[in-house]
Amino acid sequence: MSLSLEEGALLVRMARSAVSSYLATGTKPSVPESLPDRLREKRPVFVTIRKLVTDSEGVRRWALRGCLGYVTPLLPLAEATVNAAIAAATRDPRFSPLTAQELPHVIFEVTVLSELEPVEVEDPRDYPREVRVGVHGLVVEKGLARAVLLPQIAVEYEWDERTFLSQACVKAGLPPDAWELGDLKVYRFTAQIFAEIEPQGEVIERQLYVEEAPGSC
C-alpha cells in the first residue's frame, strides 16, 4: 500500500532526528508511540544520506555519504527507518562515520520498497526485458554474494537495463556478465522515494523519469 507524502515526510524527519540523537548520545532513540498505522506495518526500507560536494569540473552535486537498509520486511517501517538511518550514518563500510558537524550539510532520503519479486526467464539474456529503468530496483544473488541497487541509481547514472544488471553483479563482487550465465538469482522491486530538497528542508516524493526512445505505432 502506498504511503502519503505526509507519511513519507514523517519517515524522513524520523531518520534525521534519529541520527542527530545518536551522534549526540550514542544511543538509539525510541520510536514515537503515536504513529500512522502504515508506519507500523513491516516493510523493507533504505535510508540514503547525501552531501553537497564540488566535483573536478566545479559542478556542485549531492554525493553519496551513506546508504543502508533492509530488503525484507523484518521490522515495522518506522523502526526499520530509524535503524537504517543510524546504520547509514555510522556503519556504511564505504565511508567514515558521519559527524555532528556534517549533519547540517547533508540531506536524507528514505526509499520504501515493495516485496521482492523473483524475475523468472527461460533464457538469461531475456532479463533486460523484465527490468525497467526508472521503475524497478534490483537484487542479485549467487551463493553468499548479494547486492542491492535502488531504482534511482540507474536513473542517476543514466544506465540502460543491461548496464543496470551488470552493475548489480559488479556490486555483488561478480563478473559484470554473471547475469547472462544462468546461475544467478535476480529479483526486482518497486519503491517510493521521499527526500529532503535541502538539509532540514521540505520533503518531496521523488518521481523517476526516463526518456523513452520513440516506438512504432
Protein backbone atom coordinates (compact mmCIF):
# COMPACT_ATOMS: atom_id res chain seq x y z
CA MET A 1 0.00 0.00 0.00
CA SER A 2 1.35 3.42 -0.97
CA LEU A 3 2.34 5.96 1.64
CA SER A 4 1.10 9.54 1.58
CA LEU A 5 3.55 12.42 1.27
CA GLU A 6 2.87 13.27 4.91
CA GLU A 7 3.78 9.74 5.99
CA GLY A 8 6.90 9.76 3.85
CA ALA A 9 7.94 13.15 5.22
CA LEU A 10 7.49 11.83 8.74
CA LEU A 11 9.87 8.96 7.96
CA VAL A 12 12.48 11.37 6.60
CA ARG A 13 12.21 13.57 9.69
CA MET A 14 12.49 10.48 11.90
CA ALA A 15 15.63 9.41 10.03
CA ARG A 16 17.31 12.78 10.55
CA SER A 17 16.21 13.03 14.18
CA ALA A 18 17.44 9.50 14.94
CA VAL A 19 20.90 10.24 13.53
CA SER A 20 21.09 13.57 15.34
CA SER A 21 20.18 11.91 18.63
CA TYR A 22 22.56 9.00 18.10
CA LEU A 23 25.50 11.27 17.28
CA ALA A 24 24.81 13.32 20.41
CA THR A 25 24.20 10.49 22.88
CA GLY A 26 25.49 7.26 21.36
CA THR A 27 22.15 5.54 21.93
CA LYS A 28 19.32 4.74 19.54
CA PRO A 29 16.19 6.80 20.24
CA SER A 30 12.88 5.06 20.75
CA VAL A 31 10.25 5.18 18.04
CA PRO A 32 7.32 7.52 18.80
CA GLU A 33 4.27 5.71 20.14
CA SER A 34 1.80 7.79 18.14
CA LEU A 35 2.28 6.82 14.50
CA PRO A 36 0.07 6.25 11.46
CA ASP A 37 -0.88 2.60 11.10
CA ARG A 38 1.02 2.22 7.83
CA LEU A 39 4.28 3.13 9.56
CA ARG A 40 3.70 0.24 11.96
CA GLU A 41 3.50 -2.32 9.16
CA LYS A 42 6.58 -4.40 8.42
CA ARG A 43 8.17 -3.03 5.24
CA PRO A 44 11.66 -3.10 3.71
CA VAL A 45 13.35 0.31 3.62
CA PHE A 46 16.66 2.01 2.83
CA VAL A 47 17.98 5.34 4.07
CA THR A 48 20.36 7.32 1.87
CA ILE A 49 22.46 10.25 3.08
CA ARG A 50 23.91 12.70 0.57
CA LYS A 51 26.41 15.53 0.99
CA LEU A 52 26.91 18.54 -1.28
CA VAL A 53 30.32 18.39 -2.97
CA THR A 54 32.10 20.16 -5.81
CA ASP A 55 33.50 17.82 -8.45
CA SER A 56 36.66 18.24 -10.52
CA GLU A 57 34.79 20.32 -13.09
CA GLY A 58 33.50 22.75 -10.49
CA VAL A 59 29.96 21.36 -10.56
CA ARG A 60 28.17 21.13 -7.21
CA ARG A 61 26.16 17.96 -6.69
CA TRP A 62 24.73 15.76 -3.97
CA ALA A 63 27.17 12.86 -3.49
CA LEU A 64 26.51 9.65 -1.60
CA ARG A 65 27.56 9.78 2.07
CA GLY A 66 25.95 6.55 3.26
CA CYS A 67 23.18 4.11 2.37
CA LEU A 68 21.99 1.00 4.20
CA GLY A 69 18.70 -0.72 4.87
CA TYR A 70 16.53 -3.81 4.69
CA VAL A 71 15.40 -5.70 1.58
CA THR A 72 12.96 -7.89 3.52
CA PRO A 73 10.13 -6.81 5.86
CA LEU A 74 11.74 -7.73 9.19
CA LEU A 75 10.61 -4.76 11.29
CA PRO A 76 7.83 -2.19 11.48
CA LEU A 77 8.58 0.53 8.94
CA ALA A 78 9.23 3.32 11.45
CA GLU A 79 11.64 1.20 13.49
CA ALA A 80 13.38 -0.08 10.37
CA THR A 81 13.83 3.51 9.17
CA VAL A 82 15.43 4.57 12.45
CA ASN A 83 17.79 1.58 12.38
CA ALA A 84 18.68 2.09 8.72
CA ALA A 85 19.34 5.81 9.22
CA ILE A 86 21.77 5.22 12.07
CA ALA A 87 23.47 2.41 10.16
CA ALA A 88 23.82 4.55 7.01
CA ALA A 89 25.35 7.36 9.06
CA THR A 90 27.74 5.28 11.14
CA ARG A 91 28.26 1.79 9.70
CA ASP A 92 28.38 2.00 5.91
CA PRO A 93 31.78 0.37 5.24
CA ARG A 94 32.39 2.61 2.23
CA PHE A 95 32.58 5.77 4.36
CA SER A 96 33.86 7.09 7.65
CA PRO A 97 31.11 7.69 10.24
CA LEU A 98 29.10 10.86 9.78
CA THR A 99 29.98 13.59 12.27
CA ALA A 100 27.69 16.01 14.08
CA GLN A 101 29.42 18.85 12.22
CA GLU A 102 28.36 17.35 8.87
CA LEU A 103 24.74 16.83 9.85
CA PRO A 104 23.52 20.35 8.92
CA HIS A 105 25.04 19.90 5.45
CA VAL A 106 23.52 16.57 4.38
CA ILE A 107 20.13 15.54 3.06
CA PHE A 108 18.19 12.41 3.99
CA GLU A 109 16.29 10.19 1.58
CA VAL A 110 14.02 7.28 2.56
CA THR A 111 13.23 4.58 0.00
CA VAL A 112 10.34 2.29 0.94
CA LEU A 113 10.49 -0.95 -1.02
CA SER A 114 7.85 -3.36 -2.23
CA GLU A 115 8.43 -7.03 -1.52
CA LEU A 116 10.99 -8.72 -3.76
CA GLU A 117 9.65 -10.36 -6.90
CA PRO A 118 11.73 -13.15 -8.49
CA VAL A 119 12.47 -12.46 -12.14
CA GLU A 120 11.95 -15.73 -13.96
CA VAL A 121 13.12 -16.20 -17.54
CA GLU A 122 13.87 -19.24 -19.67
CA ASP A 123 16.87 -17.56 -21.27
CA PRO A 124 19.01 -15.31 -19.02
CA ARG A 125 19.54 -12.98 -21.98
CA ASP A 126 15.89 -12.01 -21.53
CA TYR A 127 16.46 -10.44 -18.10
CA PRO A 128 16.70 -6.89 -19.55
CA ARG A 129 13.18 -7.26 -20.95
CA GLU A 130 11.84 -7.91 -17.44
CA VAL A 131 13.55 -4.94 -15.79
CA ARG A 132 12.55 -1.33 -16.38
CA VAL A 133 14.92 1.52 -15.52
CA GLY A 134 13.08 4.19 -13.56
CA VAL A 135 10.59 1.66 -12.19
CA HIS A 136 12.49 -1.28 -10.72
CA GLY A 137 15.29 -1.78 -8.26
CA LEU A 138 17.38 -4.95 -8.36
CA VAL A 139 18.69 -7.63 -6.05
CA VAL A 140 21.10 -10.22 -7.42
CA GLU A 141 22.28 -13.32 -5.56
CA LYS A 142 24.75 -16.11 -6.19
CA GLY A 143 25.77 -18.20 -3.21
CA LEU A 144 26.87 -15.78 -0.50
CA ALA A 145 27.29 -12.93 -2.98
CA ARG A 146 24.44 -10.44 -2.92
CA ALA A 147 23.85 -6.84 -3.95
CA VAL A 148 21.02 -4.32 -3.96
CA LEU A 149 20.63 -1.37 -6.32
CA LEU A 150 17.78 1.05 -5.67
CA PRO A 151 15.67 2.28 -8.63
CA GLN A 152 17.06 5.82 -8.51
CA ILE A 153 20.64 4.62 -9.05
CA ALA A 154 20.07 3.52 -12.64
CA VAL A 155 18.34 6.81 -13.44
CA GLU A 156 21.03 8.97 -11.82
CA TYR A 157 23.81 7.19 -13.73
CA GLU A 158 21.77 7.01 -16.97
CA TRP A 159 22.15 3.24 -17.26
CA ASP A 160 20.14 1.06 -19.59
CA GLU A 161 18.71 -2.26 -18.39
CA ARG A 162 21.76 -4.32 -19.39
CA THR A 163 24.12 -1.95 -17.60
CA PHE A 164 21.85 -1.93 -14.56
CA LEU A 165 22.07 -5.73 -14.34
CA SER A 166 25.83 -5.69 -14.91
CA GLN A 167 26.43 -3.05 -12.24
CA ALA A 168 24.36 -5.05 -9.75
CA CYS A 169 26.62 -8.03 -10.45
CA VAL A 170 29.76 -5.92 -10.01
CA LYS A 171 28.47 -4.59 -6.69
CA ALA A 172 27.99 -8.20 -5.56
CA GLY A 173 31.62 -8.94 -6.44
CA LEU A 174 30.69 -10.94 -9.53
CA PRO A 175 31.73 -10.53 -13.18
CA PRO A 176 29.57 -7.96 -14.97
CA ASP A 177 28.18 -10.62 -17.31
CA ALA A 178 27.20 -13.00 -14.49
CA TRP A 179 23.50 -12.35 -15.12
CA GLU A 180 23.86 -13.83 -18.62
CA LEU A 181 25.23 -17.18 -17.40
CA GLY A 182 22.04 -18.62 -15.91
CA ASP A 183 23.23 -19.47 -12.38
CA LEU A 184 22.21 -16.19 -10.76
CA LYS A 185 19.03 -15.25 -8.90
CA VAL A 186 17.56 -11.90 -9.92
CA TYR A 187 14.79 -10.09 -8.04
CA ARG A 188 13.09 -6.81 -8.84
CA PHE A 189 11.11 -4.40 -6.69
CA THR A 190 9.41 -1.04 -6.90
CA ALA A 191 9.75 1.78 -4.39
CA GLN A 192 8.52 5.11 -3.10
CA ILE A 193 11.26 7.65 -2.53
CA PHE A 194 10.94 10.56 -0.10
CA ALA A 195 13.76 13.09 0.16
CA GLU A 196 14.71 16.47 1.57
CA ILE A 197 15.36 19.01 -1.18
CA GLU A 198 17.88 20.75 1.10
CA PRO A 199 19.25 19.98 4.58
CA GLN A 200 16.38 20.06 7.08
CA GLY A 201 14.19 21.39 4.29
CA GLU A 202 10.97 20.46 2.54
CA VAL A 203 10.40 16.77 1.81
CA ILE A 204 9.15 15.68 -1.61
CA GLU A 205 8.27 12.36 -3.15
CA ARG A 206 10.78 11.81 -5.93
CA GLN A 207 9.48 10.78 -9.32
CA LEU A 208 11.94 8.98 -11.57
CA TYR A 209 11.76 9.92 -15.22
CA VAL A 210 13.47 8.13 -18.08
CA GLU A 211 13.38 9.46 -21.62
CA GLU A 212 11.98 6.72 -23.81
CA ALA A 213 13.03 6.19 -27.40
CA PRO A 214 10.26 6.67 -30.00
CA GLY A 215 8.39 3.47 -30.70
CA SER A 216 6.48 2.25 -33.72
CA CYS A 217 2.71 2.69 -33.91
